[in-house]
mmCIF file of all heavy atoms, coordinates in Angstrom:
data_MODEL
# 
_entry.id   MODEL 
# 
loop_
_atom_site.group_PDB 
_atom_site.id 
_atom_site.type_symbol 
_atom_site.label_atom_id 
_atom_site.label_alt_id 
_atom_site.label_comp_id 
_atom_site.label_asym_id 
_atom_site.label_entity_id 
_atom_site.label_seq_id 
_atom_site.pdbx_PDB_ins_code 
_atom_site.Cartn_x 
_atom_site.Cartn_y 
_atom_site.Cartn_z 
_atom_site.occupancy 
_atom_site.B_iso_or_equiv 
_atom_site.pdbx_formal_charge 
_atom_site.auth_seq_id 
_atom_site.auth_comp_id 
_atom_site.auth_asym_id 
_atom_site.auth_atom_id 
_atom_site.pdbx_PDB_model_num 
ATOM 1   N N   . ARG A 1 1  ? -10.121 -0.552  0.642  1.00 0.00 ? 1  ARG A N   1 
ATOM 2   C CA  . ARG A 1 1  ? -10.219 0.883   0.359  1.00 0.00 ? 1  ARG A CA  1 
ATOM 3   C C   . ARG A 1 1  ? -8.922  1.608   0.747  1.00 0.00 ? 1  ARG A C   1 
ATOM 4   O O   . ARG A 1 1  ? -8.473  2.501   0.047  1.00 0.00 ? 1  ARG A O   1 
ATOM 5   C CB  . ARG A 1 1  ? -11.416 1.497   1.082  1.00 0.00 ? 1  ARG A CB  1 
ATOM 6   C CG  . ARG A 1 1  ? -12.746 1.115   0.463  1.00 0.00 ? 1  ARG A CG  1 
ATOM 7   C CD  . ARG A 1 1  ? -13.877 2.018   0.949  1.00 0.00 ? 1  ARG A CD  1 
ATOM 8   N NE  . ARG A 1 1  ? -14.030 1.991   2.405  1.00 0.00 ? 1  ARG A NE  1 
ATOM 9   C CZ  . ARG A 1 1  ? -14.743 1.082   3.078  1.00 0.00 ? 1  ARG A CZ  1 
ATOM 10  N NH1 . ARG A 1 1  ? -15.373 0.127   2.422  1.00 0.00 ? 1  ARG A NH1 1 
ATOM 11  N NH2 . ARG A 1 1  ? -14.838 1.154   4.390  1.00 0.00 ? 1  ARG A NH2 1 
ATOM 12  N N   . THR A 1 2  ? -8.312  1.194   1.852  1.00 0.00 ? 2  THR A N   1 
ATOM 13  C CA  . THR A 1 2  ? -7.030  1.791   2.262  1.00 0.00 ? 2  THR A CA  1 
ATOM 14  C C   . THR A 1 2  ? -5.941  1.477   1.240  1.00 0.00 ? 2  THR A C   1 
ATOM 15  O O   . THR A 1 2  ? -5.158  2.355   0.863  1.00 0.00 ? 2  THR A O   1 
ATOM 16  C CB  . THR A 1 2  ? -6.621  1.274   3.663  1.00 0.00 ? 2  THR A CB  1 
ATOM 17  O OG1 . THR A 1 2  ? -7.658  1.609   4.593  1.00 0.00 ? 2  THR A OG1 1 
ATOM 18  C CG2 . THR A 1 2  ? -5.309  1.895   4.114  1.00 0.00 ? 2  THR A CG2 1 
ATOM 19  N N   . LEU A 1 3  ? -5.891  0.224   0.774  1.00 0.00 ? 3  LEU A N   1 
ATOM 20  C CA  . LEU A 1 3  ? -4.924  -0.158  -0.254 1.00 0.00 ? 3  LEU A CA  1 
ATOM 21  C C   . LEU A 1 3  ? -5.131  0.653   -1.532 1.00 0.00 ? 3  LEU A C   1 
ATOM 22  O O   . LEU A 1 3  ? -4.178  1.114   -2.152 1.00 0.00 ? 3  LEU A O   1 
ATOM 23  C CB  . LEU A 1 3  ? -5.019  -1.650  -0.571 1.00 0.00 ? 3  LEU A CB  1 
ATOM 24  C CG  . LEU A 1 3  ? -4.618  -2.606  0.559  1.00 0.00 ? 3  LEU A CG  1 
ATOM 25  C CD1 . LEU A 1 3  ? -4.903  -4.051  0.141  1.00 0.00 ? 3  LEU A CD1 1 
ATOM 26  C CD2 . LEU A 1 3  ? -3.173  -2.435  0.957  1.00 0.00 ? 3  LEU A CD2 1 
ATOM 27  N N   . GLU A 1 4  ? -6.399  0.820   -1.905 1.00 0.00 ? 4  GLU A N   1 
ATOM 28  C CA  . GLU A 1 4  ? -6.726  1.611   -3.094 1.00 0.00 ? 4  GLU A CA  1 
ATOM 29  C C   . GLU A 1 4  ? -6.152  3.020   -2.961 1.00 0.00 ? 4  GLU A C   1 
ATOM 30  O O   . GLU A 1 4  ? -5.519  3.538   -3.894 1.00 0.00 ? 4  GLU A O   1 
ATOM 31  C CB  . GLU A 1 4  ? -8.248  1.665   -3.245 1.00 0.00 ? 4  GLU A CB  1 
ATOM 32  C CG  . GLU A 1 4  ? -8.751  2.410   -4.442 1.00 0.00 ? 4  GLU A CG  1 
ATOM 33  C CD  . GLU A 1 4  ? -10.279 2.398   -4.521 1.00 0.00 ? 4  GLU A CD  1 
ATOM 34  O OE1 . GLU A 1 4  ? -10.928 1.539   -3.886 1.00 0.00 ? 4  GLU A OE1 1 
ATOM 35  O OE2 . GLU A 1 4  ? -10.818 3.263   -5.228 1.00 0.00 ? 4  GLU A OE2 1 
ATOM 36  N N   . ALA A 1 5  ? -6.324  3.644   -1.799 1.00 0.00 ? 5  ALA A N   1 
ATOM 37  C CA  . ALA A 1 5  ? -5.803  4.992   -1.580 1.00 0.00 ? 5  ALA A CA  1 
ATOM 38  C C   . ALA A 1 5  ? -4.282  5.005   -1.661 1.00 0.00 ? 5  ALA A C   1 
ATOM 39  O O   . ALA A 1 5  ? -3.693  5.890   -2.285 1.00 0.00 ? 5  ALA A O   1 
ATOM 40  C CB  . ALA A 1 5  ? -6.268  5.514   -0.233 1.00 0.00 ? 5  ALA A CB  1 
ATOM 41  N N   . LEU A 1 6  ? -3.629  4.021   -1.041 1.00 0.00 ? 6  LEU A N   1 
ATOM 42  C CA  . LEU A 1 6  ? -2.166  3.956   -1.071 1.00 0.00 ? 6  LEU A CA  1 
ATOM 43  C C   . LEU A 1 6  ? -1.655  3.841   -2.513 1.00 0.00 ? 6  LEU A C   1 
ATOM 44  O O   . LEU A 1 6  ? -0.691  4.487   -2.890 1.00 0.00 ? 6  LEU A O   1 
ATOM 45  C CB  . LEU A 1 6  ? -1.658  2.782   -0.239 1.00 0.00 ? 6  LEU A CB  1 
ATOM 46  C CG  . LEU A 1 6  ? -1.826  2.914   1.276  1.00 0.00 ? 6  LEU A CG  1 
ATOM 47  C CD1 . LEU A 1 6  ? -1.525  1.579   1.961  1.00 0.00 ? 6  LEU A CD1 1 
ATOM 48  C CD2 . LEU A 1 6  ? -0.926  4.005   1.829  1.00 0.00 ? 6  LEU A CD2 1 
ATOM 49  N N   . LEU A 1 7  ? -2.310  2.988   -3.302 1.00 0.00 ? 7  LEU A N   1 
ATOM 50  C CA  . LEU A 1 7  ? -1.867  2.766   -4.677 1.00 0.00 ? 7  LEU A CA  1 
ATOM 51  C C   . LEU A 1 7  ? -2.133  3.989   -5.558 1.00 0.00 ? 7  LEU A C   1 
ATOM 52  O O   . LEU A 1 7  ? -1.392  4.245   -6.497 1.00 0.00 ? 7  LEU A O   1 
ATOM 53  C CB  . LEU A 1 7  ? -2.540  1.521   -5.254 1.00 0.00 ? 7  LEU A CB  1 
ATOM 54  C CG  . LEU A 1 7  ? -2.110  0.211   -4.595 1.00 0.00 ? 7  LEU A CG  1 
ATOM 55  C CD1 . LEU A 1 7  ? -3.027  -0.942  -4.997 1.00 0.00 ? 7  LEU A CD1 1 
ATOM 56  C CD2 . LEU A 1 7  ? -0.667  -0.124  -4.954 1.00 0.00 ? 7  LEU A CD2 1 
ATOM 57  N N   . VAL A 1 8  ? -3.169  4.735   -5.240 1.00 0.00 ? 8  VAL A N   1 
ATOM 58  C CA  . VAL A 1 8  ? -3.456  5.958   -6.018 1.00 0.00 ? 8  VAL A CA  1 
ATOM 59  C C   . VAL A 1 8  ? -2.397  7.025   -5.762 1.00 0.00 ? 8  VAL A C   1 
ATOM 60  O O   . VAL A 1 8  ? -1.954  7.687   -6.680 1.00 0.00 ? 8  VAL A O   1 
ATOM 61  C CB  . VAL A 1 8  ? -4.876  6.493   -5.690 1.00 0.00 ? 8  VAL A CB  1 
ATOM 62  C CG1 . VAL A 1 8  ? -5.050  7.926   -6.158 1.00 0.00 ? 8  VAL A CG1 1 
ATOM 63  C CG2 . VAL A 1 8  ? -5.934  5.615   -6.320 1.00 0.00 ? 8  VAL A CG2 1 
ATOM 64  N N   . VAL A 1 9  ? -1.949  7.160   -4.515 1.00 0.00 ? 9  VAL A N   1 
ATOM 65  C CA  . VAL A 1 9  ? -0.992  8.219   -4.211 1.00 0.00 ? 9  VAL A CA  1 
ATOM 66  C C   . VAL A 1 9  ? 0.457   7.800   -4.460 1.00 0.00 ? 9  VAL A C   1 
ATOM 67  O O   . VAL A 1 9  ? 1.339   8.658   -4.504 1.00 0.00 ? 9  VAL A O   1 
ATOM 68  C CB  . VAL A 1 9  ? -1.141  8.740   -2.756 1.00 0.00 ? 9  VAL A CB  1 
ATOM 69  C CG1 . VAL A 1 9  ? -2.524  9.317   -2.530 1.00 0.00 ? 9  VAL A CG1 1 
ATOM 70  C CG2 . VAL A 1 9  ? -0.815  7.665   -1.736 1.00 0.00 ? 9  VAL A CG2 1 
ATOM 71  N N   . ALA A 1 10 ? 0.714   6.516   -4.638 1.00 0.00 ? 10 ALA A N   1 
ATOM 72  C CA  . ALA A 1 10 ? 2.083   6.029   -4.844 1.00 0.00 ? 10 ALA A CA  1 
ATOM 73  C C   . ALA A 1 10 ? 2.597   6.427   -6.220 1.00 0.00 ? 10 ALA A C   1 
ATOM 74  O O   . ALA A 1 10 ? 1.868   6.397   -7.203 1.00 0.00 ? 10 ALA A O   1 
ATOM 75  C CB  . ALA A 1 10 ? 2.147   4.524   -4.686 1.00 0.00 ? 10 ALA A CB  1 
ATOM 76  N N   . SER A 1 11 ? 3.880   6.764   -6.277 1.00 0.00 ? 11 SER A N   1 
ATOM 77  C CA  . SER A 1 11 ? 4.484   7.138   -7.558 1.00 0.00 ? 11 SER A CA  1 
ATOM 78  C C   . SER A 1 11 ? 5.090   5.932   -8.277 1.00 0.00 ? 11 SER A C   1 
ATOM 79  O O   . SER A 1 11 ? 5.555   6.064   -9.407 1.00 0.00 ? 11 SER A O   1 
ATOM 80  C CB  . SER A 1 11 ? 5.549   8.210   -7.343 1.00 0.00 ? 11 SER A CB  1 
ATOM 81  O OG  . SER A 1 11 ? 6.561   7.711   -6.483 1.00 0.00 ? 11 SER A OG  1 
ATOM 82  N N   . GLN A 1 12 ? 5.109   4.778   -7.618 1.00 0.00 ? 12 GLN A N   1 
ATOM 83  C CA  . GLN A 1 12 ? 5.673   3.572   -8.222 1.00 0.00 ? 12 GLN A CA  1 
ATOM 84  C C   . GLN A 1 12 ? 4.944   2.359   -7.650 1.00 0.00 ? 12 GLN A C   1 
ATOM 85  O O   . GLN A 1 12 ? 4.237   2.480   -6.652 1.00 0.00 ? 12 GLN A O   1 
ATOM 86  C CB  . GLN A 1 12 ? 7.161   3.471   -7.930 1.00 0.00 ? 12 GLN A CB  1 
ATOM 87  C CG  . GLN A 1 12 ? 7.486   3.395   -6.446 1.00 0.00 ? 12 GLN A CG  1 
ATOM 88  C CD  . GLN A 1 12 ? 8.975   3.541   -6.185 1.00 0.00 ? 12 GLN A CD  1 
ATOM 89  O OE1 . GLN A 1 12 ? 9.736   3.987   -7.047 1.00 0.00 ? 12 GLN A OE1 1 
ATOM 90  N NE2 . GLN A 1 12 ? 9.413   3.145   -5.003 1.00 0.00 ? 12 GLN A NE2 1 
ATOM 91  N N   . PRO A 1 13 ? 5.094   1.198   -8.287 1.00 0.00 ? 13 PRO A N   1 
ATOM 92  C CA  . PRO A 1 13 ? 4.422   0.004   -7.768 1.00 0.00 ? 13 PRO A CA  1 
ATOM 93  C C   . PRO A 1 13 ? 4.843   -0.296  -6.326 1.00 0.00 ? 13 PRO A C   1 
ATOM 94  O O   . PRO A 1 13 ? 6.004   -0.072  -5.952 1.00 0.00 ? 13 PRO A O   1 
ATOM 95  C CB  . PRO A 1 13 ? 4.884   -1.101  -8.719 1.00 0.00 ? 13 PRO A CB  1 
ATOM 96  C CG  . PRO A 1 13 ? 5.222   -0.400  -9.986 1.00 0.00 ? 13 PRO A CG  1 
ATOM 97  C CD  . PRO A 1 13 ? 5.799   0.927   -9.551 1.00 0.00 ? 13 PRO A CD  1 
ATOM 98  N N   . LEU A 1 14 ? 3.901   -0.791  -5.530 1.00 0.00 ? 14 LEU A N   1 
ATOM 99  C CA  . LEU A 1 14 ? 4.164   -1.133  -4.143 1.00 0.00 ? 14 LEU A CA  1 
ATOM 100 C C   . LEU A 1 14 ? 4.043   -2.638  -3.958 1.00 0.00 ? 14 LEU A C   1 
ATOM 101 O O   . LEU A 1 14 ? 3.099   -3.247  -4.448 1.00 0.00 ? 14 LEU A O   1 
ATOM 102 C CB  . LEU A 1 14 ? 3.171   -0.420  -3.211 1.00 0.00 ? 14 LEU A CB  1 
ATOM 103 C CG  . LEU A 1 14 ? 3.197   1.094   -3.215 1.00 0.00 ? 14 LEU A CG  1 
ATOM 104 C CD1 . LEU A 1 14 ? 2.072   1.664   -2.364 1.00 0.00 ? 14 LEU A CD1 1 
ATOM 105 C CD2 . LEU A 1 14 ? 4.538   1.615   -2.715 1.00 0.00 ? 14 LEU A CD2 1 
ATOM 106 N N   . SER A 1 15 ? 4.996   -3.226  -3.251 1.00 0.00 ? 15 SER A N   1 
ATOM 107 C CA  . SER A 1 15 ? 4.966   -4.662  -2.996 1.00 0.00 ? 15 SER A CA  1 
ATOM 108 C C   . SER A 1 15 ? 3.967   -4.971  -1.889 1.00 0.00 ? 15 SER A C   1 
ATOM 109 O O   . SER A 1 15 ? 3.544   -4.084  -1.137 1.00 0.00 ? 15 SER A O   1 
ATOM 110 C CB  . SER A 1 15 ? 6.355   -5.152  -2.583 1.00 0.00 ? 15 SER A CB  1 
ATOM 111 O OG  . SER A 1 15 ? 6.677   -4.637  -1.313 1.00 0.00 ? 15 SER A OG  1 
ATOM 112 N N   . VAL A 1 16 ? 3.609   -6.244  -1.765 1.00 0.00 ? 16 VAL A N   1 
ATOM 113 C CA  . VAL A 1 16 ? 2.710   -6.673  -0.693 1.00 0.00 ? 16 VAL A CA  1 
ATOM 114 C C   . VAL A 1 16 ? 3.319   -6.325  0.661  1.00 0.00 ? 16 VAL A C   1 
ATOM 115 O O   . VAL A 1 16 ? 2.623   -5.848  1.564  1.00 0.00 ? 16 VAL A O   1 
ATOM 116 C CB  . VAL A 1 16 ? 2.401   -8.188  -0.805 1.00 0.00 ? 16 VAL A CB  1 
ATOM 117 C CG1 . VAL A 1 16 ? 1.683   -8.696  0.439  1.00 0.00 ? 16 VAL A CG1 1 
ATOM 118 C CG2 . VAL A 1 16 ? 1.574   -8.475  -2.054 1.00 0.00 ? 16 VAL A CG2 1 
ATOM 119 N N   . ALA A 1 17 ? 4.639   -6.515  0.804  1.00 0.00 ? 17 ALA A N   1 
ATOM 120 C CA  . ALA A 1 17 ? 5.301   -6.206  2.070  1.00 0.00 ? 17 ALA A CA  1 
ATOM 121 C C   . ALA A 1 17 ? 5.188   -4.716  2.392  1.00 0.00 ? 17 ALA A C   1 
ATOM 122 O O   . ALA A 1 17 ? 4.924   -4.341  3.555  1.00 0.00 ? 17 ALA A O   1 
ATOM 123 C CB  . ALA A 1 17 ? 6.775   -6.623  2.006  1.00 0.00 ? 17 ALA A CB  1 
ATOM 124 N N   . GLU A 1 18 ? 5.379   -3.857  1.393  1.00 0.00 ? 18 GLU A N   1 
ATOM 125 C CA  . GLU A 1 18 ? 5.271   -2.407  1.621  1.00 0.00 ? 18 GLU A CA  1 
ATOM 126 C C   . GLU A 1 18 ? 3.838   -2.031  1.990  1.00 0.00 ? 18 GLU A C   1 
ATOM 127 O O   . GLU A 1 18 ? 3.601   -1.194  2.873  1.00 0.00 ? 18 GLU A O   1 
ATOM 128 C CB  . GLU A 1 18 ? 5.703   -1.628  0.374  1.00 0.00 ? 18 GLU A CB  1 
ATOM 129 C CG  . GLU A 1 18 ? 7.193   -1.701  0.092  1.00 0.00 ? 18 GLU A CG  1 
ATOM 130 C CD  . GLU A 1 18 ? 7.564   -1.144  -1.256 1.00 0.00 ? 18 GLU A CD  1 
ATOM 131 O OE1 . GLU A 1 18 ? 6.865   -1.439  -2.259 1.00 0.00 ? 18 GLU A OE1 1 
ATOM 132 O OE2 . GLU A 1 18 ? 8.579   -0.421  -1.321 1.00 0.00 ? 18 GLU A OE2 1 
ATOM 133 N N   . LEU A 1 19 ? 2.866   -2.649  1.315  1.00 0.00 ? 19 LEU A N   1 
ATOM 134 C CA  . LEU A 1 19 ? 1.452   -2.362  1.614  1.00 0.00 ? 19 LEU A CA  1 
ATOM 135 C C   . LEU A 1 19 ? 1.087   -2.862  3.001  1.00 0.00 ? 19 LEU A C   1 
ATOM 136 O O   . LEU A 1 19 ? 0.360   -2.193  3.747  1.00 0.00 ? 19 LEU A O   1 
ATOM 137 C CB  . LEU A 1 19 ? 0.550   -2.994  0.546  1.00 0.00 ? 19 LEU A CB  1 
ATOM 138 C CG  . LEU A 1 19 ? 0.639   -2.344  -0.836 1.00 0.00 ? 19 LEU A CG  1 
ATOM 139 C CD1 . LEU A 1 19 ? -0.030  -3.220  -1.885 1.00 0.00 ? 19 LEU A CD1 1 
ATOM 140 C CD2 . LEU A 1 19 ? 0.005   -0.960  -0.814 1.00 0.00 ? 19 LEU A CD2 1 
ATOM 141 N N   . ALA A 1 20 ? 1.598   -4.034  3.388  1.00 0.00 ? 20 ALA A N   1 
ATOM 142 C CA  . ALA A 1 20 ? 1.317   -4.585  4.720  1.00 0.00 ? 20 ALA A CA  1 
ATOM 143 C C   . ALA A 1 20 ? 1.901   -3.669  5.797  1.00 0.00 ? 20 ALA A C   1 
ATOM 144 O O   . ALA A 1 20 ? 1.261   -3.392  6.816  1.00 0.00 ? 20 ALA A O   1 
ATOM 145 C CB  . ALA A 1 20 ? 1.886   -5.991  4.845  1.00 0.00 ? 20 ALA A CB  1 
ATOM 146 N N   . GLU A 1 21 ? 3.117   -3.167  5.558  1.00 0.00 ? 21 GLU A N   1 
ATOM 147 C CA  . GLU A 1 21 ? 3.751   -2.267  6.532  1.00 0.00 ? 21 GLU A CA  1 
ATOM 148 C C   . GLU A 1 21 ? 2.961   -0.970  6.654  1.00 0.00 ? 21 GLU A C   1 
ATOM 149 O O   . GLU A 1 21 ? 2.731   -0.480  7.758  1.00 0.00 ? 21 GLU A O   1 
ATOM 150 C CB  . GLU A 1 21 ? 5.195   -1.976  6.107  1.00 0.00 ? 21 GLU A CB  1 
ATOM 151 C CG  . GLU A 1 21 ? 5.942   -1.108  7.104  1.00 0.00 ? 21 GLU A CG  1 
ATOM 152 C CD  . GLU A 1 21 ? 7.369   -0.819  6.674  1.00 0.00 ? 21 GLU A CD  1 
ATOM 153 O OE1 . GLU A 1 21 ? 7.926   -1.577  5.860  1.00 0.00 ? 21 GLU A OE1 1 
ATOM 154 O OE2 . GLU A 1 21 ? 7.923   0.177   7.171  1.00 0.00 ? 21 GLU A OE2 1 
ATOM 155 N N   . ALA A 1 22 ? 2.545   -0.407  5.509  1.00 0.00 ? 22 ALA A N   1 
ATOM 156 C CA  . ALA A 1 22 ? 1.819   0.864   5.520  1.00 0.00 ? 22 ALA A CA  1 
ATOM 157 C C   . ALA A 1 22 ? 0.454   0.746   6.201  1.00 0.00 ? 22 ALA A C   1 
ATOM 158 O O   . ALA A 1 22 ? 0.017   1.673   6.887  1.00 0.00 ? 22 ALA A O   1 
ATOM 159 C CB  . ALA A 1 22 ? 1.652   1.392   4.103  1.00 0.00 ? 22 ALA A CB  1 
ATOM 160 N N   . THR A 1 23 ? -0.202  -0.389  6.035  1.00 0.00 ? 23 THR A N   1 
ATOM 161 C CA  . THR A 1 23 ? -1.536  -0.578  6.619  1.00 0.00 ? 23 THR A CA  1 
ATOM 162 C C   . THR A 1 23 ? -1.477  -1.154  8.026  1.00 0.00 ? 23 THR A C   1 
ATOM 163 O O   . THR A 1 23 ? -2.480  -1.131  8.742  1.00 0.00 ? 23 THR A O   1 
ATOM 164 C CB  . THR A 1 23 ? -2.387  -1.524  5.752  1.00 0.00 ? 23 THR A CB  1 
ATOM 165 O OG1 . THR A 1 23 ? -1.727  -2.797  5.648  1.00 0.00 ? 23 THR A OG1 1 
ATOM 166 C CG2 . THR A 1 23 ? -2.645  -0.926  4.379  1.00 0.00 ? 23 THR A CG2 1 
ATOM 167 N N   . GLY A 1 24 ? -0.318  -1.678  8.414  1.00 0.00 ? 24 GLY A N   1 
ATOM 168 C CA  . GLY A 1 24 ? -0.219  -2.318  9.717  1.00 0.00 ? 24 GLY A CA  1 
ATOM 169 C C   . GLY A 1 24 ? -0.975  -3.635  9.754  1.00 0.00 ? 24 GLY A C   1 
ATOM 170 O O   . GLY A 1 24 ? -1.393  -4.114  10.812 1.00 0.00 ? 24 GLY A O   1 
ATOM 171 N N   . ASP A 1 25 ? -1.173  -4.246  8.585  1.00 0.00 ? 25 ASP A N   1 
ATOM 172 C CA  . ASP A 1 25 ? -1.918  -5.508  8.493  1.00 0.00 ? 25 ASP A CA  1 
ATOM 173 C C   . ASP A 1 25 ? -0.977  -6.603  8.004  1.00 0.00 ? 25 ASP A C   1 
ATOM 174 O O   . ASP A 1 25 ? 0.152   -6.324  7.592  1.00 0.00 ? 25 ASP A O   1 
ATOM 175 C CB  . ASP A 1 25 ? -3.087  -5.328  7.511  1.00 0.00 ? 25 ASP A CB  1 
ATOM 176 C CG  . ASP A 1 25 ? -4.329  -6.085  7.942  1.00 0.00 ? 25 ASP A CG  1 
ATOM 177 O OD1 . ASP A 1 25 ? -4.180  -7.260  8.355  1.00 0.00 ? 25 ASP A OD1 1 
ATOM 178 O OD2 . ASP A 1 25 ? -5.424  -5.499  7.888  1.00 0.00 ? 25 ASP A OD2 1 
ATOM 179 N N   . ASP A 1 26 ? -1.443  -7.838  8.039  1.00 0.00 ? 26 ASP A N   1 
ATOM 180 C CA  . ASP A 1 26 ? -0.557  -8.928  7.601  1.00 0.00 ? 26 ASP A CA  1 
ATOM 181 C C   . ASP A 1 26 ? -0.642  -9.153  6.097  1.00 0.00 ? 26 ASP A C   1 
ATOM 182 O O   . ASP A 1 26 ? -1.635  -8.802  5.458  1.00 0.00 ? 26 ASP A O   1 
ATOM 183 C CB  . ASP A 1 26 ? -0.827  -10.235 8.377  1.00 0.00 ? 26 ASP A CB  1 
ATOM 184 C CG  . ASP A 1 26 ? -2.200  -10.812 8.092  1.00 0.00 ? 26 ASP A CG  1 
ATOM 185 O OD1 . ASP A 1 26 ? -2.362  -11.433 7.016  1.00 0.00 ? 26 ASP A OD1 1 
ATOM 186 O OD2 . ASP A 1 26 ? -3.105  -10.638 8.930  1.00 0.00 ? 26 ASP A OD2 1 
# 
């Protein structure tokens, strides 16, 4: 659900590394 929110508000594609950093997860 957190990833879903990040991808909805992002203006461009996000890499796994960017998503991991934003969520603080691996």
